[in-house]
Amino acid sequence: MAALDLLGRRWTLRVIWELHRNGAPIGFRDLQRRCDDMSSSVLSTRLTELREAGIAASTSTAAQPTWRLTALGDDLVTAMGPLLDWSRAWAERR
């Protein structure tokens, strides 16, 4: 239930998707732009929650921290594959 609570929070799946889609570590501002300029406070909260859950991690660089999915985060994206397939079939029926 805790995982479903986390994943059901506004913007959480989008942040995970953008971290996955990018494939390489991404800075906060770039991630914010990819998430349709969501508020910085919401993005900061979601990244903190994902880091605490072990799904995302930050890496410090000289310029700025960057974010990436952890191995657990990659496993989550893989596990969500069947749901993505189901949702595509569902959308076609509507």
N, C-alpha and C. Protein backbone atom coordinates (compact mmCIF):
# COMPACT_ATOMS: atom_id res chain seq x y z
N MET A 1 0.82 -1.19 0.00
CA MET A 1 0.00 0.00 0.00
C MET A 1 0.87 1.26 0.00
N ALA A 2 2.00 1.21 0.66
CA ALA A 2 2.88 2.39 0.70
C ALA A 2 3.38 2.74 -0.69
N ALA A 3 3.71 1.73 -1.48
CA ALA A 3 4.18 1.99 -2.85
C ALA A 3 3.07 2.60 -3.69
N LEU A 4 1.85 2.07 -3.56
CA LEU A 4 0.74 2.63 -4.33
C LEU A 4 0.42 4.06 -3.88
N ASP A 5 0.56 4.33 -2.59
CA ASP A 5 0.36 5.69 -2.11
C ASP A 5 1.38 6.64 -2.74
N LEU A 6 2.63 6.24 -2.75
CA LEU A 6 3.68 7.07 -3.35
C LEU A 6 3.44 7.28 -4.84
N LEU A 7 3.16 6.21 -5.56
CA LEU A 7 2.98 6.31 -7.01
C LEU A 7 1.71 7.07 -7.38
N GLY A 8 0.74 7.12 -6.49
CA GLY A 8 -0.50 7.81 -6.76
C GLY A 8 -0.46 9.30 -6.50
N ARG A 9 0.63 9.79 -5.97
CA ARG A 9 0.73 11.22 -5.70
C ARG A 9 0.93 11.99 -7.00
N ARG A 10 0.35 13.17 -7.01
CA ARG A 10 0.42 14.02 -8.19
C ARG A 10 1.85 14.21 -8.66
N TRP A 11 2.08 13.99 -9.92
CA TRP A 11 3.36 14.17 -10.63
C TRP A 11 4.38 13.07 -10.40
N THR A 12 4.16 12.15 -9.48
CA THR A 12 5.19 11.14 -9.19
C THR A 12 5.51 10.29 -10.41
N LEU A 13 4.48 9.76 -11.07
CA LEU A 13 4.74 8.91 -12.24
C LEU A 13 5.40 9.70 -13.36
N ARG A 14 5.04 10.96 -13.51
CA ARG A 14 5.65 11.78 -14.55
C ARG A 14 7.14 11.97 -14.27
N VAL A 15 7.49 12.23 -13.03
CA VAL A 15 8.90 12.39 -12.67
C VAL A 15 9.66 11.10 -12.95
N ILE A 16 9.10 9.97 -12.55
CA ILE A 16 9.75 8.67 -12.82
C ILE A 16 9.91 8.47 -14.31
N TRP A 17 8.87 8.77 -15.08
CA TRP A 17 8.92 8.60 -16.54
C TRP A 17 10.02 9.47 -17.14
N GLU A 18 10.10 10.72 -16.74
CA GLU A 18 11.11 11.62 -17.30
C GLU A 18 12.53 11.20 -16.91
N LEU A 19 12.70 10.72 -15.69
CA LEU A 19 14.02 10.21 -15.30
C LEU A 19 14.39 8.98 -16.13
N HIS A 20 13.41 8.13 -16.39
CA HIS A 20 13.64 6.94 -17.20
C HIS A 20 13.90 7.32 -18.65
N ARG A 21 13.08 8.20 -19.18
CA ARG A 21 13.16 8.59 -20.59
C ARG A 21 14.49 9.25 -20.91
N ASN A 22 14.98 10.04 -19.98
CA ASN A 22 16.23 10.75 -20.22
C ASN A 22 17.40 9.76 -20.29
N GLY A 23 17.37 8.74 -19.44
CA GLY A 23 18.39 7.70 -19.47
C GLY A 23 19.71 8.09 -18.82
N ALA A 24 19.97 9.35 -18.69
CA ALA A 24 21.20 9.83 -18.06
C ALA A 24 20.80 10.79 -16.95
N PRO A 25 21.69 11.04 -16.00
CA PRO A 25 21.35 11.99 -14.95
C PRO A 25 20.91 13.33 -15.54
N ILE A 26 19.95 13.95 -14.88
CA ILE A 26 19.37 15.20 -15.37
C ILE A 26 19.29 16.21 -14.23
N GLY A 27 19.56 17.46 -14.54
CA GLY A 27 19.50 18.51 -13.54
C GLY A 27 18.06 18.87 -13.18
N PHE A 28 17.93 19.53 -12.04
CA PHE A 28 16.61 19.89 -11.52
C PHE A 28 15.83 20.75 -12.50
N ARG A 29 16.44 21.79 -13.03
CA ARG A 29 15.74 22.71 -13.94
C ARG A 29 15.33 22.01 -15.23
N ASP A 30 16.21 21.19 -15.77
CA ASP A 30 15.85 20.44 -16.99
C ASP A 30 14.70 19.48 -16.71
N LEU A 31 14.74 18.83 -15.57
CA LEU A 31 13.65 17.92 -15.20
C LEU A 31 12.35 18.70 -15.02
N GLN A 32 12.44 19.86 -14.42
CA GLN A 32 11.25 20.70 -14.23
C GLN A 32 10.65 21.09 -15.58
N ARG A 33 11.48 21.46 -16.54
CA ARG A 33 10.98 21.81 -17.88
C ARG A 33 10.33 20.60 -18.55
N ARG A 34 10.95 19.43 -18.42
CA ARG A 34 10.38 18.22 -19.02
C ARG A 34 9.04 17.85 -18.40
N CYS A 35 8.82 18.30 -17.18
CA CYS A 35 7.56 18.03 -16.48
C CYS A 35 6.61 19.22 -16.63
N ASP A 36 6.63 19.85 -17.78
CA ASP A 36 5.72 20.96 -18.10
C ASP A 36 5.81 22.09 -17.09
N ASP A 37 7.03 22.39 -16.65
CA ASP A 37 7.26 23.49 -15.72
C ASP A 37 6.43 23.39 -14.44
N MET A 38 6.36 22.18 -13.90
CA MET A 38 5.68 22.01 -12.61
C MET A 38 6.38 22.87 -11.57
N SER A 39 5.71 23.16 -10.49
CA SER A 39 6.30 24.04 -9.48
C SER A 39 7.55 23.39 -8.88
N SER A 40 8.51 24.23 -8.57
CA SER A 40 9.76 23.72 -8.02
C SER A 40 9.54 23.07 -6.65
N SER A 41 8.59 23.57 -5.88
CA SER A 41 8.36 22.98 -4.55
C SER A 41 7.77 21.57 -4.67
N VAL A 42 6.86 21.37 -5.62
CA VAL A 42 6.29 20.03 -5.81
C VAL A 42 7.36 19.08 -6.33
N LEU A 43 8.15 19.52 -7.30
CA LEU A 43 9.21 18.67 -7.84
C LEU A 43 10.21 18.31 -6.74
N SER A 44 10.60 19.27 -5.95
CA SER A 44 11.53 19.01 -4.85
C SER A 44 10.96 17.98 -3.88
N THR A 45 9.68 18.13 -3.56
CA THR A 45 9.04 17.17 -2.65
C THR A 45 9.01 15.78 -3.26
N ARG A 46 8.63 15.67 -4.53
CA ARG A 46 8.55 14.36 -5.18
C ARG A 46 9.93 13.71 -5.26
N LEU A 47 10.95 14.48 -5.61
CA LEU A 47 12.30 13.92 -5.69
C LEU A 47 12.77 13.44 -4.31
N THR A 48 12.46 14.19 -3.29
CA THR A 48 12.82 13.77 -1.92
C THR A 48 12.13 12.47 -1.57
N GLU A 49 10.84 12.38 -1.88
CA GLU A 49 10.08 11.15 -1.59
C GLU A 49 10.64 9.96 -2.37
N LEU A 50 10.97 10.19 -3.64
CA LEU A 50 11.52 9.10 -4.47
C LEU A 50 12.90 8.69 -3.97
N ARG A 51 13.69 9.66 -3.51
CA ARG A 51 15.01 9.34 -2.96
C ARG A 51 14.86 8.53 -1.68
N GLU A 52 13.95 8.95 -0.81
CA GLU A 52 13.73 8.22 0.45
C GLU A 52 13.22 6.81 0.21
N ALA A 53 12.49 6.60 -0.90
CA ALA A 53 11.97 5.28 -1.25
C ALA A 53 13.00 4.43 -1.98
N GLY A 54 14.14 5.02 -2.31
CA GLY A 54 15.19 4.28 -3.02
C GLY A 54 14.96 4.18 -4.52
N ILE A 55 14.04 4.97 -5.06
CA ILE A 55 13.70 4.89 -6.48
C ILE A 55 14.54 5.85 -7.32
N ALA A 56 14.93 6.98 -6.73
CA ALA A 56 15.76 7.97 -7.42
C ALA A 56 16.93 8.34 -6.52
N ALA A 57 17.97 8.85 -7.14
CA ALA A 57 19.15 9.28 -6.38
C ALA A 57 19.70 10.55 -7.02
N SER A 58 20.33 11.35 -6.20
CA SER A 58 20.98 12.55 -6.72
C SER A 58 22.48 12.36 -6.69
N THR A 59 23.12 12.99 -7.63
CA THR A 59 24.57 12.95 -7.74
C THR A 59 25.05 14.39 -7.77
N SER A 60 25.96 14.72 -6.90
CA SER A 60 26.47 16.08 -6.89
C SER A 60 27.55 16.26 -7.94
N THR A 61 27.43 17.35 -8.65
CA THR A 61 28.48 17.75 -9.58
C THR A 61 28.93 19.14 -9.17
N ALA A 62 29.95 19.63 -9.81
CA ALA A 62 30.44 20.96 -9.46
C ALA A 62 29.37 22.02 -9.74
N ALA A 63 28.62 21.85 -10.81
CA ALA A 63 27.63 22.86 -11.19
C ALA A 63 26.34 22.72 -10.41
N GLN A 64 25.80 21.52 -10.36
CA GLN A 64 24.50 21.31 -9.71
C GLN A 64 24.27 19.82 -9.51
N PRO A 65 23.37 19.47 -8.57
CA PRO A 65 23.03 18.06 -8.43
C PRO A 65 22.24 17.58 -9.64
N THR A 66 22.41 16.34 -9.97
CA THR A 66 21.62 15.72 -11.04
C THR A 66 20.88 14.54 -10.45
N TRP A 67 19.81 14.15 -11.14
CA TRP A 67 18.94 13.08 -10.66
C TRP A 67 18.90 11.95 -11.67
N ARG A 68 18.75 10.73 -11.14
CA ARG A 68 18.65 9.55 -11.99
C ARG A 68 17.83 8.50 -11.24
N LEU A 69 17.33 7.52 -11.98
CA LEU A 69 16.68 6.39 -11.34
C LEU A 69 17.75 5.45 -10.78
N THR A 70 17.45 4.82 -9.69
CA THR A 70 18.32 3.78 -9.14
C THR A 70 17.97 2.46 -9.84
N ALA A 71 18.69 1.41 -9.49
CA ALA A 71 18.36 0.08 -10.03
C ALA A 71 16.93 -0.30 -9.63
N LEU A 72 16.53 0.06 -8.41
CA LEU A 72 15.17 -0.21 -7.96
C LEU A 72 14.16 0.58 -8.80
N GLY A 73 14.50 1.80 -9.14
CA GLY A 73 13.64 2.61 -10.01
C GLY A 73 13.52 2.01 -11.40
N ASP A 74 14.63 1.53 -11.93
CA ASP A 74 14.59 0.85 -13.24
C ASP A 74 13.72 -0.40 -13.17
N ASP A 75 13.82 -1.14 -12.07
CA ASP A 75 12.97 -2.32 -11.89
C ASP A 75 11.49 -1.93 -11.84
N LEU A 76 11.19 -0.81 -11.21
CA LEU A 76 9.81 -0.32 -11.14
C LEU A 76 9.28 -0.03 -12.54
N VAL A 77 10.06 0.65 -13.36
CA VAL A 77 9.63 0.96 -14.73
C VAL A 77 9.38 -0.34 -15.51
N THR A 78 10.25 -1.31 -15.34
CA THR A 78 10.06 -2.61 -16.00
C THR A 78 8.78 -3.29 -15.52
N ALA A 79 8.55 -3.24 -14.21
CA ALA A 79 7.36 -3.86 -13.64
C ALA A 79 6.08 -3.18 -14.11
N MET A 80 6.16 -1.90 -14.44
CA MET A 80 4.99 -1.17 -14.90
C MET A 80 4.69 -1.41 -16.38
N GLY A 81 5.57 -2.12 -17.09
CA GLY A 81 5.38 -2.41 -18.51
C GLY A 81 4.03 -3.04 -18.82
N PRO A 82 3.63 -4.10 -18.13
CA PRO A 82 2.32 -4.69 -18.41
C PRO A 82 1.16 -3.72 -18.18
N LEU A 83 1.28 -2.84 -17.21
CA LEU A 83 0.24 -1.84 -16.99
C LEU A 83 0.18 -0.86 -18.16
N LEU A 84 1.33 -0.50 -18.70
CA LEU A 84 1.37 0.36 -19.88
C LEU A 84 0.69 -0.32 -21.06
N ASP A 85 0.99 -1.60 -21.26
CA ASP A 85 0.34 -2.35 -22.34
C ASP A 85 -1.17 -2.39 -22.15
N TRP A 86 -1.60 -2.66 -20.93
CA TRP A 86 -3.02 -2.71 -20.64
C TRP A 86 -3.68 -1.36 -20.89
N SER A 87 -3.02 -0.28 -20.46
CA SER A 87 -3.62 1.04 -20.61
C SER A 87 -3.75 1.44 -22.07
N ARG A 88 -2.82 1.00 -22.91
CA ARG A 88 -2.93 1.28 -24.36
C ARG A 88 -4.13 0.56 -24.94
N ALA A 89 -4.32 -0.70 -24.56
CA ALA A 89 -5.48 -1.46 -25.05
C ALA A 89 -6.77 -0.84 -24.54
N TRP A 90 -6.77 -0.41 -23.31
CA TRP A 90 -7.95 0.22 -22.73
C TRP A 90 -8.29 1.52 -23.46
N ALA A 91 -7.26 2.32 -23.75
CA ALA A 91 -7.48 3.60 -24.43
C ALA A 91 -8.05 3.40 -25.82
N GLU A 92 -7.64 2.34 -26.50
CA GLU A 92 -8.15 2.05 -27.85
C GLU A 92 -9.62 1.68 -27.82
N ARG A 93 -10.10 1.13 -26.74
CA ARG A 93 -11.50 0.71 -26.62
C ARG A 93 -12.41 1.89 -26.32
N ARG A 94 -11.87 2.97 -25.87
CA ARG A 94 -12.70 4.11 -25.46
C ARG A 94 -13.05 4.91 -26.64
